[in-house]
């Protein structure tokens, strides 16, 4: 049975990925394409429905992001959200203007026409989240207003053309009944709601088996959730023709090189080749302070190591043509501006830093998934909870948690401090309740007093955040007593650090990692 897909066209909204998540939460697959995607590319997904996202622009601007208006003629149900509403009105003959009164934040919507299926089962009044400065002044022929706020139009409909649009954002947490509205749209689309982890595993394993054929595959294994789940999917597809390569890049957590090997060889039954390349990585990082240069050098060196190992394995197996990576959807979004007019935040060693002359073809079975979806799939694959509960760890490792130059001495300092942070948070029973918690070594030296002696040592920052998918995050208010224990242990046990600070910045405006 073919996978049903809802296509989301991204006009640059910060909430676009939330639309994808809300659809998938109802067991329907969704993909995000840039609004500029050609019509044949959209049609290739055989969409059962189309959603037009919000965006920061005005539809009447000369440089406004625009999709091919023919997307409104595909014959599938269409839902416009915010800017998507303006796009529909503008391109079908209506008029959009700058609103006399902008709406940002909480608002109350009154449903005027409850007969429209988009609002089926919803109360006559909805609490919603608004974020717009434009409004639809005149509707296209055949459209009618179906909901309003005290200031402006809130929803329109044309059942004959199967096009609906809302001015508010049903995908955000601040629209409590948004999931039900999205569910109504999925019902209009005829969605079966059968996209489950088991369905994903079955279709992905089949796809990998067909893609690889009789070839041999290597996998870059880090020991984290993403690479472990990716490896198990490929292992299920091709068995012994998968060789996992675990590279010590010199910026792993304390004892991780040995513990990962012990855990994954025994518990997953994977064929793992361990390569201690720490010296060559640290040599590449010597004197480098720019975080983007760090990322790209680590990414390039990873691929170089993989290609060397592939050459050796090729002699033993008769050839290696594929490399598996645990790239996730947020990695793709943040690494390259491919989703509409969004902006590159940072490069990622699995995505943005690949050398142009890489010799191995990529298999990225998780690149359309969010972290929580990967964990659910991992459970269905039988991965132990010890692996599935591991927090995200950046591909460039501790290199992006050491501000300034990465040296063996600084790596050792941060490894010790980070181990204390993780151990104390686990002891407090908070590890699985926090998205990420870690230590950062700052290039800041400060004066301290220890044992009646003056010290001049580094500052360590503690970071703990809560998130659903890594796209946005709030800092976590750790208990003061816990922070006190962490601070006391670090300054007493890690010689070279004499000051500890706590990061209380959310994402945005900051990022989760410091570099």
Protein backbone atom coordinates (compact mmCIF):
# COMPACT_ATOMS: atom_id res chain seq x y z
CA UNK A 1 0.00 0.00 0.00
CA UNK A 2 1.43 3.38 -1.04
CA UNK A 3 2.24 5.94 1.61
CA UNK A 4 -0.23 8.82 1.63
CA UNK A 5 1.56 12.17 1.66
CA UNK A 6 0.53 15.71 2.50
CA UNK A 7 2.83 18.25 0.85
CA UNK A 8 3.59 21.47 2.73
CA UNK A 9 4.89 24.41 0.70
CA UNK A 10 7.16 26.59 2.82
CA UNK A 11 6.96 30.35 2.35
CA UNK A 12 9.54 30.99 5.07
CA UNK A 13 7.52 30.64 8.27
CA UNK A 14 9.30 29.79 11.50
CA UNK A 15 6.39 27.42 12.19
CA UNK A 16 6.47 25.37 8.97
CA UNK A 17 8.15 22.36 10.60
CA UNK A 18 5.46 22.38 13.28
CA UNK A 19 2.85 21.83 10.56
CA UNK A 20 4.75 18.73 9.46
CA UNK A 21 4.94 17.49 13.05
CA UNK A 22 1.23 18.02 13.73
CA UNK A 23 0.32 16.00 10.63
CA UNK A 24 2.69 13.16 11.49
CA UNK A 25 1.33 13.06 15.04
CA UNK A 26 -1.92 11.92 13.42
CA UNK A 27 -0.09 9.08 11.62
CA UNK A 28 -0.07 10.77 8.22
CA UNK A 29 3.19 11.34 6.37
CA UNK A 30 4.11 14.88 5.36
CA UNK A 31 6.94 16.50 3.45
CA UNK A 32 8.08 20.11 3.36
CA UNK A 33 9.06 21.55 -0.01
CA UNK A 34 10.21 25.09 -0.82
CA UNK A 35 7.41 27.24 -2.19
CA UNK A 36 9.43 27.47 -5.40
CA UNK A 37 9.28 23.71 -5.99
CA UNK A 38 8.32 22.96 -9.62
CA UNK A 39 4.87 21.52 -10.18
CA UNK A 40 6.22 18.13 -11.38
CA UNK A 41 8.22 17.77 -8.14
CA UNK A 42 5.09 18.39 -6.08
CA UNK A 43 3.06 15.98 -8.20
CA UNK A 44 5.76 13.31 -7.86
CA UNK A 45 4.79 12.94 -4.21
CA UNK A 46 1.21 12.11 -5.26
CA UNK A 47 -0.17 14.37 -2.52
CA UNK A 48 -3.57 13.73 -1.01
CA UNK A 49 -3.56 17.33 0.20
CA UNK A 50 -1.56 20.55 0.05
CA UNK A 51 -0.83 23.05 2.83
CA UNK A 52 0.54 26.53 2.14
CA UNK A 53 2.54 27.79 5.12
CA UNK A 54 2.84 31.20 6.67
CA UNK A 55 5.72 33.53 5.96
CA UNK A 56 7.27 36.87 6.92
CA UNK A 57 6.59 38.68 3.63
CA UNK A 58 3.61 40.53 2.18
CA UNK A 59 2.11 38.82 -0.83
CA UNK A 60 1.91 42.10 -2.76
CA UNK A 61 5.65 42.85 -2.39
CA UNK A 62 7.71 42.72 -5.59
CA UNK A 63 10.05 40.14 -4.09
CA UNK A 64 7.38 38.15 -2.22
CA UNK A 65 7.96 34.37 -2.21
CA UNK A 66 5.60 32.75 -4.66
CA UNK A 67 4.58 29.26 -5.65
CA UNK A 68 3.30 28.27 -9.07
CA UNK A 69 -0.39 29.32 -8.94
CA UNK A 70 -1.17 26.01 -10.66
CA UNK A 71 -0.74 24.31 -7.27
CA UNK A 72 -4.27 25.55 -6.59
CA UNK A 73 -5.51 23.53 -9.58
CA UNK A 74 -4.09 20.11 -8.64
CA UNK A 75 -7.51 18.80 -7.68
CA UNK A 76 -6.53 17.96 -4.08
CA UNK A 77 -7.73 19.75 -0.93
CA UNK A 78 -5.74 22.87 -0.10
CA UNK A 79 -5.28 24.57 3.28
CA UNK A 80 -3.69 28.01 3.47
CA UNK A 81 -2.19 29.22 6.75
CA UNK A 82 -1.62 32.97 7.32
CA UNK A 83 0.53 33.97 4.32
CA UNK A 84 -0.95 30.91 2.60
CA UNK A 85 -4.39 32.56 2.91
CA UNK A 86 -3.02 35.74 1.36
CA UNK A 87 -1.42 33.75 -1.49
CA UNK A 88 -4.75 32.08 -2.28
CA UNK A 89 -6.69 35.36 -2.19
CA UNK A 90 -4.07 37.26 -4.20
CA UNK A 91 -3.66 34.69 -6.98
CA UNK A 92 -7.36 33.90 -7.39
CA UNK A 93 -8.45 37.49 -7.96
CA UNK A 94 -9.02 38.89 -4.47
CA UNK A 95 -7.21 41.72 -2.74
CA UNK A 96 -4.77 41.74 0.19
CA UNK A 97 -3.68 44.91 1.97
CA UNK A 98 -1.74 46.04 5.01
CA UNK A 99 -4.13 45.71 7.96
CA UNK A 100 -5.18 48.83 9.87
CA UNK A 101 -4.62 46.84 13.06
CA UNK A 102 -2.05 44.08 13.19
CA UNK A 103 -2.68 40.91 15.21
CA UNK A 104 0.16 39.24 17.12
CA UNK A 105 -0.34 36.74 19.91
CA UNK A 106 -3.50 35.33 21.48
CA UNK A 107 -6.84 35.99 19.81
CA UNK A 108 -10.40 34.70 19.93
CA UNK A 109 -11.99 33.44 16.73
CA UNK A 110 -15.74 33.26 16.21
CA UNK A 111 -16.86 30.62 13.71
CA UNK A 112 -19.65 32.07 11.56
CA UNK A 113 -20.27 29.03 9.36
CA UNK A 114 -19.94 25.80 11.31
CA UNK A 115 -21.17 23.75 8.37
CA UNK A 116 -17.78 23.85 6.69
CA UNK A 117 -15.99 20.53 7.36
CA UNK A 118 -12.75 22.30 8.40
CA UNK A 119 -14.45 23.29 11.68
CA UNK A 120 -16.40 20.07 12.22
CA UNK A 121 -16.78 19.25 15.91
CA UNK A 122 -15.16 22.50 17.06
CA UNK A 123 -16.86 24.93 19.46
CA UNK A 124 -18.24 28.23 18.12
CA UNK A 125 -15.35 30.15 19.71
CA UNK A 126 -11.65 29.22 19.45
CA UNK A 127 -8.54 30.48 21.22
CA UNK A 128 -5.85 30.86 18.56
CA UNK A 129 -2.41 32.34 17.87
CA UNK A 130 -2.20 35.18 15.35
CA UNK A 131 0.92 36.59 13.71
CA UNK A 132 0.06 38.85 10.77
CA UNK A 133 0.15 42.45 9.60
CA UNK A 134 -1.88 41.99 6.39
CA UNK A 135 -5.51 41.08 5.78
CA UNK A 136 -7.74 39.89 2.96
CA UNK A 137 -9.81 42.92 1.93
CA UNK A 138 -11.72 41.30 -0.97
CA UNK A 139 -12.28 37.57 -1.45
CA UNK A 140 -12.01 35.78 -4.81
CA UNK A 141 -15.18 34.68 -6.57
CA UNK A 142 -16.70 31.61 -4.94
CA UNK A 143 -15.06 32.15 -1.54
CA UNK A 144 -16.88 33.12 1.63
CA UNK A 145 -15.86 34.22 5.10
CA UNK A 146 -16.39 31.46 7.67
CA UNK A 147 -14.67 32.85 10.80
CA UNK A 148 -13.63 36.21 12.22
CA UNK A 149 -11.89 37.89 15.14
CA UNK A 150 -12.90 41.24 16.60
CA UNK A 151 -10.41 42.87 14.22
CA UNK A 152 -10.35 40.91 10.98
CA UNK A 153 -11.26 37.91 8.87
CA UNK A 154 -9.99 34.63 10.35
CA UNK A 155 -10.95 31.91 7.85
CA UNK A 156 -12.32 31.48 4.32
CA UNK A 157 -13.68 28.53 2.37
CA UNK A 158 -14.63 27.38 -1.11
CA UNK A 159 -15.95 23.83 -0.78
CA UNK A 160 -16.56 23.48 -4.51
CA UNK A 161 -12.85 23.98 -5.19
CA UNK A 162 -11.92 22.24 -1.92
CA UNK A 163 -9.82 25.18 -0.77
CA UNK A 164 -9.79 26.46 2.81
CA UNK A 165 -7.57 28.98 4.56
CA UNK A 166 -7.11 30.34 8.08
CA UNK A 167 -5.45 33.56 9.19
CA UNK A 168 -4.27 32.03 12.47
CA UNK A 169 -1.69 29.30 13.13
CA UNK A 170 -3.33 25.96 14.03
CA UNK A 171 0.07 24.25 14.25
CA UNK A 172 1.37 26.08 17.33
CA UNK A 173 0.87 25.15 20.96
CA UNK A 174 -1.00 28.41 21.61
CA UNK A 175 -3.90 27.24 19.40
CA UNK A 176 -5.15 24.44 21.71
CA UNK A 177 -7.67 22.97 19.24
CA UNK A 178 -5.31 23.32 16.29
CA UNK A 179 -4.61 19.57 16.09
CA UNK A 180 -8.36 18.90 15.74
CA UNK A 181 -8.63 21.44 12.92
CA UNK A 182 -5.65 19.86 11.16
CA UNK A 183 -7.27 16.47 11.74
CA UNK A 184 -10.42 17.76 10.04
CA UNK A 185 -8.35 18.79 7.03
CA UNK A 186 -6.72 15.34 6.93
CA UNK A 187 -10.21 13.78 6.97
CA UNK A 188 -11.17 16.01 4.04
CA UNK A 189 -8.08 14.65 2.26
CA UNK A 190 -9.18 11.08 2.90
CA UNK A 191 -6.13 10.28 5.03
CA UNK A 192 -6.04 6.72 6.37
CA UNK A 193 -3.78 7.56 9.32
CA UNK A 194 -1.66 4.45 8.80
CA UNK A 195 1.83 5.98 8.75
CA UNK A 196 3.22 4.24 11.83
CA UNK A 197 6.74 3.25 12.91
CA UNK A 198 6.06 -0.27 11.65
CA UNK A 199 4.97 1.12 8.29
CA UNK A 200 8.04 3.34 8.09
CA UNK A 201 10.37 0.46 8.95
CA UNK A 202 8.83 -1.82 6.34
CA UNK A 203 8.94 0.73 3.53
CA UNK A 204 12.41 2.02 4.44
CA UNK A 205 13.95 -1.45 4.68
CA UNK A 206 12.47 -2.32 1.27
CA UNK A 207 13.77 0.92 -0.24
CA UNK A 208 17.30 0.38 1.14
CA UNK A 209 17.37 -3.20 -0.09
CA UNK A 210 16.36 -2.11 -3.59
CA UNK A 211 18.80 0.83 -3.61
CA UNK A 212 21.84 -1.10 -2.43
CA UNK A 213 21.24 -4.28 -4.36
CA UNK A 214 24.14 -6.66 -3.77
CA UNK A 215 26.49 -3.87 -2.66
CA UNK A 216 28.32 -3.37 0.62
CA UNK A 217 27.57 -0.44 2.93
CA UNK A 218 29.50 1.35 5.66
CA UNK A 219 27.84 3.35 8.41
CA UNK A 220 29.26 6.20 10.41
CA UNK A 221 28.31 5.09 13.91
CA UNK A 222 28.52 7.51 16.82
CA UNK A 223 26.71 5.48 19.46
CA UNK A 224 23.88 8.00 19.64
CA UNK A 225 20.22 7.46 18.87
CA UNK A 226 20.30 8.63 15.25
CA UNK A 227 23.22 6.62 13.92
CA UNK A 228 22.19 3.54 15.91
CA UNK A 229 18.65 3.55 14.50
CA UNK A 230 19.97 4.25 10.98
CA UNK A 231 22.40 1.35 11.33
CA UNK A 232 19.71 -1.04 12.52
CA UNK A 233 17.45 -0.13 9.60
CA UNK A 234 20.23 -0.86 7.13
CA UNK A 235 21.26 -3.99 9.03
CA UNK A 236 17.69 -5.27 8.80
CA UNK A 237 17.76 -4.63 5.06
CA UNK A 238 21.14 -6.12 4.10
CA UNK A 239 22.49 -7.92 7.16
CA UNK A 240 26.20 -8.74 7.12
CA UNK A 241 26.87 -6.47 4.14
CA UNK A 242 26.82 -3.53 6.57
CA UNK A 243 30.04 -2.56 8.35
CA UNK A 244 29.79 0.18 10.98
CA UNK A 245 32.75 2.48 11.47
CA UNK A 246 33.11 4.22 14.81
CA UNK A 247 35.66 7.02 14.69
CA UNK A 248 37.37 8.60 17.67
CA UNK A 249 37.62 12.18 16.45
CA UNK A 250 39.38 13.39 19.58
CA UNK A 251 36.37 15.39 20.77
CA UNK A 252 34.13 12.63 22.14
CA UNK A 253 32.84 12.56 25.69
CA UNK A 254 34.96 10.95 28.41
CA UNK A 255 35.47 7.17 27.87
CA UNK A 256 32.98 7.20 24.99
CA UNK A 257 35.28 5.47 22.51
CA UNK A 258 35.43 2.33 24.65
CA UNK A 259 31.88 2.41 26.08
CA UNK A 260 30.18 2.69 22.67
CA UNK A 261 32.07 -0.31 21.36
CA UNK A 262 31.17 -2.35 24.44
CA UNK A 263 27.48 -1.44 24.22
CA UNK A 264 26.76 -1.69 20.51
CA UNK A 265 28.75 -4.76 19.59
CA UNK A 266 27.08 -6.82 22.26
CA UNK A 267 23.58 -5.36 22.37
CA UNK A 268 22.91 -4.76 18.68
CA UNK A 269 25.04 -7.44 17.07
CA UNK A 270 26.51 -4.96 14.62
CA UNK A 271 29.86 -5.40 12.90
CA UNK A 272 31.85 -2.43 14.21
CA UNK A 273 35.28 -1.28 13.11
CA UNK A 274 36.75 1.20 15.61
CA UNK A 275 39.22 3.78 14.32
CA UNK A 276 41.22 5.92 16.72
CA UNK A 277 41.87 9.01 14.61
CA UNK A 278 41.97 11.54 17.44
CA UNK A 279 45.48 12.76 16.65
CA UNK A 280 44.72 13.60 13.02
CA UNK A 281 41.48 15.41 13.94
CA UNK A 282 43.14 17.50 16.63
CA UNK A 283 45.93 18.35 14.21
CA UNK A 284 43.33 19.66 11.74
CA UNK A 285 41.78 21.77 14.51
CA UNK A 286 45.04 23.27 15.76
CA UNK A 287 44.90 27.06 15.69
CA UNK A 288 41.28 27.13 14.44
CA UNK A 289 38.84 29.39 16.31
CA UNK A 290 36.09 29.97 13.72
CA UNK A 291 33.18 27.57 14.50
CA UNK A 292 32.25 27.09 10.85
CA UNK A 293 35.82 26.17 9.98
CA UNK A 294 35.80 23.69 12.88
CA UNK A 295 32.65 22.05 11.59
CA UNK A 296 33.81 21.81 8.00
CA UNK A 297 37.26 20.47 8.92
CA UNK A 298 35.75 17.82 11.15
CA UNK A 299 33.22 16.93 8.45
CA UNK A 300 35.91 16.66 5.78
CA UNK A 301 38.12 14.54 8.03
CA UNK A 302 35.20 12.22 8.85
CA UNK A 303 34.66 11.57 5.17
CA UNK A 304 38.38 11.08 4.60
CA UNK A 305 38.49 8.46 7.36
CA UNK A 306 35.38 6.76 5.99
CA UNK A 307 36.84 6.62 2.49
CA UNK A 308 40.09 5.15 3.76
CA UNK A 309 38.25 2.49 5.73
CA UNK A 310 35.95 1.87 2.78
CA UNK A 311 38.98 1.20 0.61
CA UNK A 312 40.26 -1.35 3.07
CA UNK A 313 36.85 -2.97 3.48
CA UNK A 314 36.38 -2.96 -0.30
CA UNK A 315 39.41 -5.19 -0.70
CA UNK A 316 37.87 -7.65 1.74
CA UNK A 317 34.29 -7.52 0.41
CA UNK A 318 34.70 -6.77 -3.28
CA UNK A 319 33.57 -3.14 -3.11
CA UNK A 320 31.81 -0.51 -1.00
CA UNK A 321 29.53 2.01 -2.64
CA UNK A 322 27.40 3.48 0.13
CA UNK A 323 27.76 5.46 3.34
CA UNK A 324 24.97 5.56 5.96
CA UNK A 325 24.48 8.71 8.04
CA UNK A 326 21.95 9.47 10.78
CA UNK A 327 20.95 12.87 9.41
CA UNK A 328 17.62 14.18 10.78
CA UNK A 329 15.13 16.70 9.42
CA UNK A 330 16.31 19.57 11.69
CA UNK A 331 19.89 18.95 10.47
CA UNK A 332 18.72 19.40 6.89
CA UNK A 333 16.65 22.49 7.63
CA UNK A 334 19.40 24.26 9.57
CA UNK A 335 22.21 23.30 7.20
CA UNK A 336 21.03 24.66 3.89
CA UNK A 337 18.45 27.13 2.66
CA UNK A 338 16.35 24.66 0.73
CA UNK A 339 13.01 25.16 2.42
CA UNK A 340 11.65 28.29 0.83
CA UNK A 341 13.31 31.60 1.73
CA UNK A 342 14.66 30.36 5.05
CA UNK A 343 18.14 31.20 6.24
CA UNK A 344 21.15 29.00 6.92
CA UNK A 345 21.79 28.96 10.67
CA UNK A 346 24.83 26.68 10.72
CA UNK A 347 26.43 23.96 8.67
CA UNK A 348 26.25 20.38 9.89
CA UNK A 349 29.00 17.86 9.37
CA UNK A 350 26.52 15.36 7.91
CA UNK A 351 24.96 17.83 5.49
CA UNK A 352 26.53 21.19 4.80
CA UNK A 353 30.16 20.15 5.19
CA UNK A 354 30.42 17.28 2.72
CA UNK A 355 33.36 17.63 0.31
CA UNK A 356 32.31 17.93 -3.32
CA UNK A 357 34.53 15.00 -4.33
CA UNK A 358 33.13 12.51 -1.82
CA UNK A 359 33.41 9.07 -3.37
CA UNK A 360 30.64 7.29 -1.49
CA UNK A 361 26.93 7.60 -2.18
CA UNK A 362 24.76 8.51 0.81
CA UNK A 363 21.98 6.60 2.51
CA UNK A 364 20.16 8.81 5.02
CA UNK A 365 17.10 6.82 6.12
CA UNK A 366 16.15 9.30 8.86
CA UNK A 367 16.51 12.60 6.99
CA UNK A 368 12.73 13.18 6.95
CA UNK A 369 12.23 12.42 10.65
CA UNK A 370 12.24 14.38 13.89
CA UNK A 371 14.07 13.07 16.97
CA UNK A 372 10.96 11.80 18.77
CA UNK A 373 9.94 9.87 15.65
CA UNK A 374 13.40 8.28 15.49
CA UNK A 375 13.06 7.12 19.09
CA UNK A 376 9.66 5.56 18.39
CA UNK A 377 11.09 3.71 15.40
CA UNK A 378 14.08 2.61 17.47
CA UNK A 379 11.76 1.05 20.04
CA UNK A 380 9.97 -0.87 17.31
CA UNK A 381 13.39 -2.07 16.09
CA UNK A 382 14.16 -3.38 19.57
CA UNK A 383 16.98 -1.00 20.51
CA UNK A 384 17.72 -0.91 24.25
CA UNK A 385 16.35 2.05 26.18
CA UNK A 386 19.89 2.92 27.31
CA UNK A 387 20.66 3.91 23.73
CA UNK A 388 17.28 5.44 22.89
CA UNK A 389 17.32 7.74 25.92
CA UNK A 390 20.68 9.28 25.04
CA UNK A 391 20.50 13.00 24.51
CA UNK A 392 21.46 14.54 21.15
CA UNK A 393 25.18 15.11 20.69
CA UNK A 394 26.56 17.35 17.93
CA UNK A 395 28.43 15.73 15.06
CA UNK A 396 31.47 17.96 15.64
CA UNK A 397 31.42 16.81 19.26
CA UNK A 398 33.04 18.84 22.00
CA UNK A 399 34.75 21.00 19.37
CA UNK A 400 31.65 23.23 19.23
CA UNK A 401 31.45 23.32 23.02
CA UNK A 402 35.02 24.59 23.33
CA UNK A 403 34.94 28.23 22.33
CA UNK A 404 38.21 29.22 20.72
CA UNK A 405 41.00 26.82 19.82
CA UNK A 406 40.51 23.10 20.44
CA UNK A 407 43.55 21.59 22.16
CA UNK A 408 44.06 18.22 23.89
CA UNK A 409 44.27 20.02 27.24
CA UNK A 410 41.01 21.89 26.72
CA UNK A 411 39.26 18.74 25.52
CA UNK A 412 40.33 16.95 28.70
CA UNK A 413 39.03 19.80 30.87
CA UNK A 414 35.64 19.81 29.18
CA UNK A 415 35.34 16.02 29.26
CA UNK A 416 35.75 16.06 33.03
CA UNK A 417 33.31 18.94 33.54
CA UNK A 418 30.71 17.47 31.17
CA UNK A 419 30.82 14.10 32.87
CA UNK A 420 30.02 15.78 36.19
CA UNK A 421 27.06 17.66 34.67
CA UNK A 422 25.58 14.50 33.15
CA UNK A 423 26.18 12.38 36.26
CA UNK A 424 24.52 14.88 38.59
CA UNK A 425 21.50 15.42 36.34
CA UNK A 426 21.06 11.65 36.02
CA UNK A 427 21.32 11.29 39.80
CA UNK A 428 18.58 13.92 40.15
CA UNK A 429 16.31 11.88 37.86
CA UNK A 430 16.14 14.65 35.25
CA UNK A 431 18.22 13.27 32.39
CA UNK A 432 15.35 11.84 30.34
CA UNK A 433 13.19 14.90 31.05
CA UNK A 434 15.66 17.34 29.52
CA UNK A 435 16.34 17.59 25.77
CA UNK A 436 20.03 18.37 26.25
CA UNK A 437 22.31 19.20 29.16
CA UNK A 438 26.03 19.76 28.86
CA UNK A 439 29.04 21.88 29.77
CA UNK A 440 30.75 24.51 27.60
CA UNK A 441 34.35 25.64 28.05
CA UNK A 442 34.63 29.39 27.59
CA UNK A 443 37.80 31.22 26.48
CA UNK A 444 37.44 33.38 29.59
CA UNK A 445 40.03 33.32 32.37
CA UNK A 446 39.10 34.70 35.76
CA UNK A 447 40.70 35.14 39.16
CA UNK A 448 39.73 32.77 41.95
CA UNK A 449 40.81 31.81 45.44
CA UNK A 450 41.35 28.16 46.36
CA UNK A 451 43.13 27.06 49.52
CA UNK A 452 44.20 30.63 50.31
CA UNK A 453 45.94 30.77 46.95
CA UNK A 454 45.13 32.90 43.94
CA UNK A 455 44.04 31.00 40.84
CA UNK A 456 43.62 32.13 37.26
CA UNK A 457 41.58 29.56 35.38
CA UNK A 458 38.84 28.91 32.83
CA UNK A 459 35.11 29.55 33.09
CA UNK A 460 32.64 26.74 32.44
CA UNK A 461 29.05 27.36 31.31
CA UNK A 462 26.23 24.90 32.00
CA UNK A 463 23.47 24.51 29.40
CA UNK A 464 20.16 22.66 29.88
CA UNK A 465 17.24 23.05 27.49
CA UNK A 466 13.82 21.58 26.83
CA UNK A 467 12.65 21.03 23.24
CA UNK A 468 10.40 18.84 21.14
CA UNK A 469 12.55 18.59 18.04
CA UNK A 470 15.56 20.89 18.36
CA UNK A 471 14.03 23.56 16.12
CA UNK A 472 13.10 25.73 19.12
CA UNK A 473 14.11 25.34 22.77
CA UNK A 474 13.56 26.87 26.21
CA UNK A 475 16.22 26.91 28.89
CA UNK A 476 15.47 24.60 31.79
CA UNK A 477 15.28 26.05 35.33
CA UNK A 478 17.39 23.43 37.11
CA UNK A 479 16.94 23.34 40.90
CA UNK A 480 19.36 25.62 42.74
CA UNK A 481 20.63 22.77 44.90
CA UNK A 482 21.46 20.76 41.79
CA UNK A 483 23.30 23.72 40.25
CA UNK A 484 25.17 24.16 43.51
CA UNK A 485 26.32 20.51 43.53
CA UNK A 486 27.41 20.70 39.89
CA UNK A 487 29.33 23.93 40.46
CA UNK A 488 31.02 22.67 43.62
CA UNK A 489 32.11 19.43 41.98
CA UNK A 490 33.49 21.11 38.85
CA UNK A 491 35.59 23.74 40.65
CA UNK A 492 36.84 21.18 43.18
CA UNK A 493 37.45 18.24 40.85
CA UNK A 494 38.47 19.81 37.54
CA UNK A 495 41.84 21.50 37.91
CA UNK A 496 41.85 24.39 35.46
CA UNK A 497 38.27 25.62 35.96
CA UNK A 498 37.46 27.98 38.83
CA UNK A 499 34.15 29.53 37.81
CA UNK A 500 30.78 28.11 36.67
CA UNK A 501 27.93 30.06 35.05
CA UNK A 502 24.44 29.01 33.88
CA UNK A 503 23.06 29.78 30.41
CA UNK A 504 19.46 31.08 30.50
CA UNK A 505 19.05 31.77 26.76
CA UNK A 506 16.25 30.20 24.72
CA UNK A 507 16.30 29.27 21.02
CA UNK A 508 15.65 31.63 19.34
CA UNK A 509 17.43 34.02 19.79
CA UNK A 510 20.31 31.70 20.71
CA UNK A 511 21.02 28.22 19.39
CA UNK A 512 21.21 25.12 21.58
CA UNK A 513 24.92 24.71 20.98
CA UNK A 514 27.22 27.66 21.58
CA UNK A 515 28.90 27.29 18.19
